[in-house]
C-alpha atoms as a PDB file:
ATOM      1  CA  MET A   1      28.806 -38.108 177.875  1.00  0.00           C
ATOM      2  CA  LYS A   2      26.395 -40.939 178.710  1.00  0.00           C
ATOM      3  CA  VAL A   3      28.441 -41.855 181.783  1.00  0.00           C
ATOM      4  CA  SER A   4      28.486 -38.308 183.124  1.00  0.00           C
ATOM      5  CA  GLY A   5      24.723 -37.972 182.666  1.00  0.00           C
ATOM      6  CA  TRP A   6      24.183 -41.253 184.474  1.00  0.00           C
ATOM      7  CA  ILE A   7      26.472 -40.197 187.321  1.00  0.00           C
ATOM      8  CA  LEU A   8      24.748 -36.830 187.670  1.00  0.00           C
ATOM      9  CA  THR A   9      21.325 -38.489 187.696  1.00  0.00           C
ATOM     10  CA  THR A  10      22.463 -40.948 190.355  1.00  0.00           C
ATOM     11  CA  VAL A  11      23.974 -38.233 192.533  1.00  0.00           C
ATOM     12  CA  MET A  12      20.839 -36.086 192.281  1.00  0.00           C
ATOM     13  CA  THR A  13      18.590 -39.047 193.131  1.00  0.00           C
ATOM     14  CA  ILE A  14      20.644 -39.908 196.190  1.00  0.00           C
ATOM     15  CA  THR A  15      20.769 -36.267 197.294  1.00  0.00           C
ATOM     16  CA  LEU A  16      17.004 -35.840 196.989  1.00  0.00           C
ATOM     17  CA  ALA A  17      16.364 -39.135 198.777  1.00  0.00           C
ATOM     18  CA  MET A  18      18.624 -38.101 201.645  1.00  0.00           C
ATOM     19  CA  ALA A  19      16.885 -34.739 201.933  1.00  0.00           C
ATOM     20  CA  GLY A  20      13.474 -36.400 201.946  1.00  0.00           C
ATOM     21  CA  CYS A  21      14.478 -38.906 204.597  1.00  0.00           C
ATOM     22  CA  SER A  22      15.703 -36.323 207.054  1.00  0.00           C
ATOM     23  CA  LYS A  23      14.154 -35.984 210.462  1.00  0.00           C
ATOM     24  CA  GLN A  24      11.254 -33.749 211.327  1.00  0.00           C
ATOM     25  CA  GLY A  25      13.413 -30.676 210.769  1.00  0.00           C
ATOM     26  CA  GLY A  26      12.839 -29.279 214.239  1.00  0.00           C
ATOM     27  CA  ILE A  27       9.133 -28.682 213.652  1.00  0.00           C
ATOM     28  CA  ASP A  28       7.236 -28.699 216.923  1.00  0.00           C
ATOM     29  CA  THR A  29       3.644 -29.828 216.461  1.00  0.00           C
ATOM     30  CA  ALA A  30       2.742 -29.902 220.176  1.00  0.00           C
ATOM     31  CA  ALA A  31       1.047 -26.475 220.292  1.00  0.00           C
ATOM     32  CA  PHE A  32      -0.829 -27.235 217.087  1.00  0.00           C
ATOM     33  CA  GLU A  33      -2.023 -30.614 218.357  1.00  0.00           C
ATOM     34  CA  SER A  34      -3.077 -29.241 221.740  1.00  0.00           C
ATOM     35  CA  SER A  35      -5.098 -26.431 220.141  1.00  0.00           C
ATOM     36  CA  PHE A  36      -7.112 -29.022 218.204  1.00  0.00           C
ATOM     37  CA  LYS A  37      -7.655 -31.544 221.047  1.00  0.00           C
ATOM     38  CA  SER A  38     -11.135 -30.186 221.733  1.00  0.00           C
ATOM     39  CA  ALA A  39     -11.965 -29.428 218.087  1.00  0.00           C
ATOM     40  CA  GLU A  40     -14.956 -31.022 216.431  1.00  0.00           C
ATOM     41  CA  ALA A  41     -14.507 -34.581 215.228  1.00  0.00           C
ATOM     42  CA  ALA A  42     -14.744 -33.591 211.550  1.00  0.00           C
ATOM     43  CA  LEU A  43     -11.422 -31.702 211.837  1.00  0.00           C
ATOM     44  CA  GLN A  44      -9.457 -34.478 213.542  1.00  0.00           C
ATOM     45  CA  PRO A  45      -8.585 -36.486 210.390  1.00  0.00           C
ATOM     46  CA  ALA A  46      -7.052 -33.394 208.751  1.00  0.00           C
ATOM     47  CA  VAL A  47      -5.120 -32.577 211.940  1.00  0.00           C
ATOM     48  CA  GLU A  48      -3.788 -36.143 212.127  1.00  0.00           C
ATOM     49  CA  LYS A  49      -2.843 -36.130 208.430  1.00  0.00           C
ATOM     50  CA  ALA A  50      -0.981 -32.833 208.789  1.00  0.00           C
ATOM     51  CA  VAL A  51       0.993 -34.059 211.812  1.00  0.00           C
ATOM     52  CA  ALA A  52       1.765 -37.391 210.136  1.00  0.00           C
ATOM     53  CA  ALA A  53       2.939 -35.597 206.995  1.00  0.00           C
ATOM     54  CA  ILE A  54       5.255 -33.363 209.041  1.00  0.00           C
ATOM     55  CA  LYS A  55       6.688 -36.304 210.947  1.00  0.00           C
ATOM     56  CA  GLY A  56       7.210 -38.078 207.631  1.00  0.00           C
ATOM     57  CA  ALA A  57       8.918 -34.988 206.144  1.00  0.00           C
ATOM     58  CA  ASP A  58       6.131 -34.697 203.539  1.00  0.00           C
ATOM     59  CA  TYR A  59       6.048 -30.932 203.765  1.00  0.00           C
ATOM     60  CA  SER A  60       3.969 -30.358 200.639  1.00  0.00           C
ATOM     61  CA  GLY A  61       1.336 -32.763 201.968  1.00  0.00           C
ATOM     62  CA  ALA A  62       1.440 -31.027 205.336  1.00  0.00           C
ATOM     63  CA  MET A  63       0.966 -27.610 203.736  1.00  0.00           C
ATOM     64  CA  ALA A  64      -2.013 -28.908 201.749  1.00  0.00           C
ATOM     65  CA  GLU A  65      -3.668 -30.243 204.904  1.00  0.00           C
ATOM     66  CA  LEU A  66      -2.919 -27.059 206.823  1.00  0.00           C
ATOM     67  CA  LYS A  67      -4.429 -24.930 204.037  1.00  0.00           C
ATOM     68  CA  THR A  68      -7.531 -27.127 204.088  1.00  0.00           C
ATOM     69  CA  LEU A  69      -7.794 -26.680 207.842  1.00  0.00           C
ATOM     70  CA  ALA A  70      -7.218 -22.926 207.587  1.00  0.00           C
ATOM     71  CA  SER A  71     -10.169 -22.575 205.213  1.00  0.00           C
ATOM     72  CA  ASN A  72     -12.556 -23.922 207.859  1.00  0.00           C
ATOM     73  CA  ALA A  73     -14.794 -21.115 209.120  1.00  0.00           C
ATOM     74  CA  LYS A  74     -15.403 -22.718 212.522  1.00  0.00           C
ATOM     75  CA  LEU A  75     -11.855 -22.359 213.853  1.00  0.00           C
ATOM     76  CA  THR A  76     -11.122 -20.532 217.072  1.00  0.00           C
ATOM     77  CA  PRO A  77      -8.571 -17.700 217.013  1.00  0.00           C
ATOM     78  CA  GLU A  78      -6.155 -19.990 218.892  1.00  0.00           C
ATOM     79  CA  GLN A  79      -6.523 -22.690 216.223  1.00  0.00           C
ATOM     80  CA  GLN A  80      -6.064 -20.164 213.428  1.00  0.00           C
ATOM     81  CA  GLN A  81      -2.869 -18.924 215.055  1.00  0.00           C
ATOM     82  CA  ALA A  82      -1.622 -22.482 215.598  1.00  0.00           C
ATOM     83  CA  ILE A  83      -2.118 -23.191 211.883  1.00  0.00           C
ATOM     84  CA  LYS A  84      -0.286 -19.995 210.897  1.00  0.00           C
ATOM     85  CA  ASP A  85       2.607 -20.797 213.232  1.00  0.00           C
ATOM     86  CA  LEU A  86       2.911 -24.361 211.981  1.00  0.00           C
ATOM     87  CA  MET A  87       2.728 -23.241 208.345  1.00  0.00           C
ATOM     88  CA  ALA A  88       5.586 -20.837 209.029  1.00  0.00           C
ATOM     89  CA  GLN A  89       7.665 -23.653 210.545  1.00  0.00           C
ATOM     90  CA  VAL A  90       6.922 -25.948 207.597  1.00  0.00           C
ATOM     91  CA  GLY A  91       7.775 -23.163 205.142  1.00  0.00           C
ATOM     92  CA  LYS A  92      11.088 -22.647 206.893  1.00  0.00           C
ATOM     93  CA  ALA A  93      11.813 -26.386 206.772  1.00  0.00           C
ATOM     94  CA  ILE A  94      11.037 -26.418 203.042  1.00  0.00           C
ATOM     95  CA  SER A  95      13.431 -23.519 202.467  1.00  0.00           C
ATOM     96  CA  GLU A  96      16.174 -25.185 204.495  1.00  0.00           C
ATOM     97  CA  ALA A  97      15.726 -28.505 202.687  1.00  0.00           C
ATOM     98  CA  ALA A  98      15.792 -26.777 199.292  1.00  0.00           C
ATOM     99  CA  GLY A  99      18.962 -24.899 200.241  1.00  0.00           C
ATOM    100  CA  LYS A 100      20.625 -28.100 201.411  1.00  0.00           C
ATOM    101  CA  VAL A 101      19.671 -29.972 198.247  1.00  0.00           C
ATOM    102  CA  ALA A 102      20.905 -27.118 196.064  1.00  0.00           C
ATOM    103  CA  GLY A 103      24.208 -27.006 197.965  1.00  0.00           C
ATOM    104  CA  ASP A 104      24.633 -30.772 197.747  1.00  0.00           C
ATOM    105  CA  ALA A 105      23.817 -30.772 194.038  1.00  0.00           C
ATOM    106  CA  SER A 106      26.279 -27.956 193.398  1.00  0.00           C
ATOM    107  CA  LYS A 107      28.989 -29.846 195.258  1.00  0.00           C
ATOM    108  CA  ALA A 108      28.181 -33.020 193.311  1.00  0.00           C
ATOM    109  CA  VAL A 109      28.464 -31.183 189.996  1.00  0.00           C
ATOM    110  CA  LYS A 110      31.810 -29.696 191.022  1.00  0.00           C
ATOM    111  CA  ASP A 111      33.088 -33.114 192.136  1.00  0.00           C
ATOM    112  CA  MET A 112      31.862 -34.910 189.009  1.00  0.00           C
ATOM    113  CA  PRO A 113      34.941 -34.267 186.848  1.00  0.00           C
ATOM    114  CA  ASN A 114      37.096 -35.909 189.520  1.00  0.00           C
ATOM    115  CA  ALA A 115      34.842 -38.970 189.603  1.00  0.00           C
ATOM    116  CA  LEU A 116      34.947 -39.576 185.840  1.00  0.00           C
ATOM    117  CA  PRO A 117      37.576 -41.934 184.443  1.00  0.00           C
ATOM    118  CA  LYS A 118      40.388 -40.221 182.565  1.00  0.00           C
END
């Protein structure tokens, strides 16, 4: 039983690492970035952090930065819409990554009996 637990832990770790190291997930930040080009300087660090988090596939970090930005009262309607659109894209990427990880984990569990020594 110890061996099967170790194998399952290893498979899950590898699966999660592969999901976390995936590319940007098709998230386009161009419209978001262009809507904040003329924004006040105080907002720029949060914008840069959000974009960097998305490019690094740190979707939870990106969502946190986007929520912080969204709470700013001085946003233009265009900036508010850009945040909403980007949050929707990030949410979709999170759902897709979770589905892929769940599918990979399910496959790993099904394949585990074949990998164990008899």
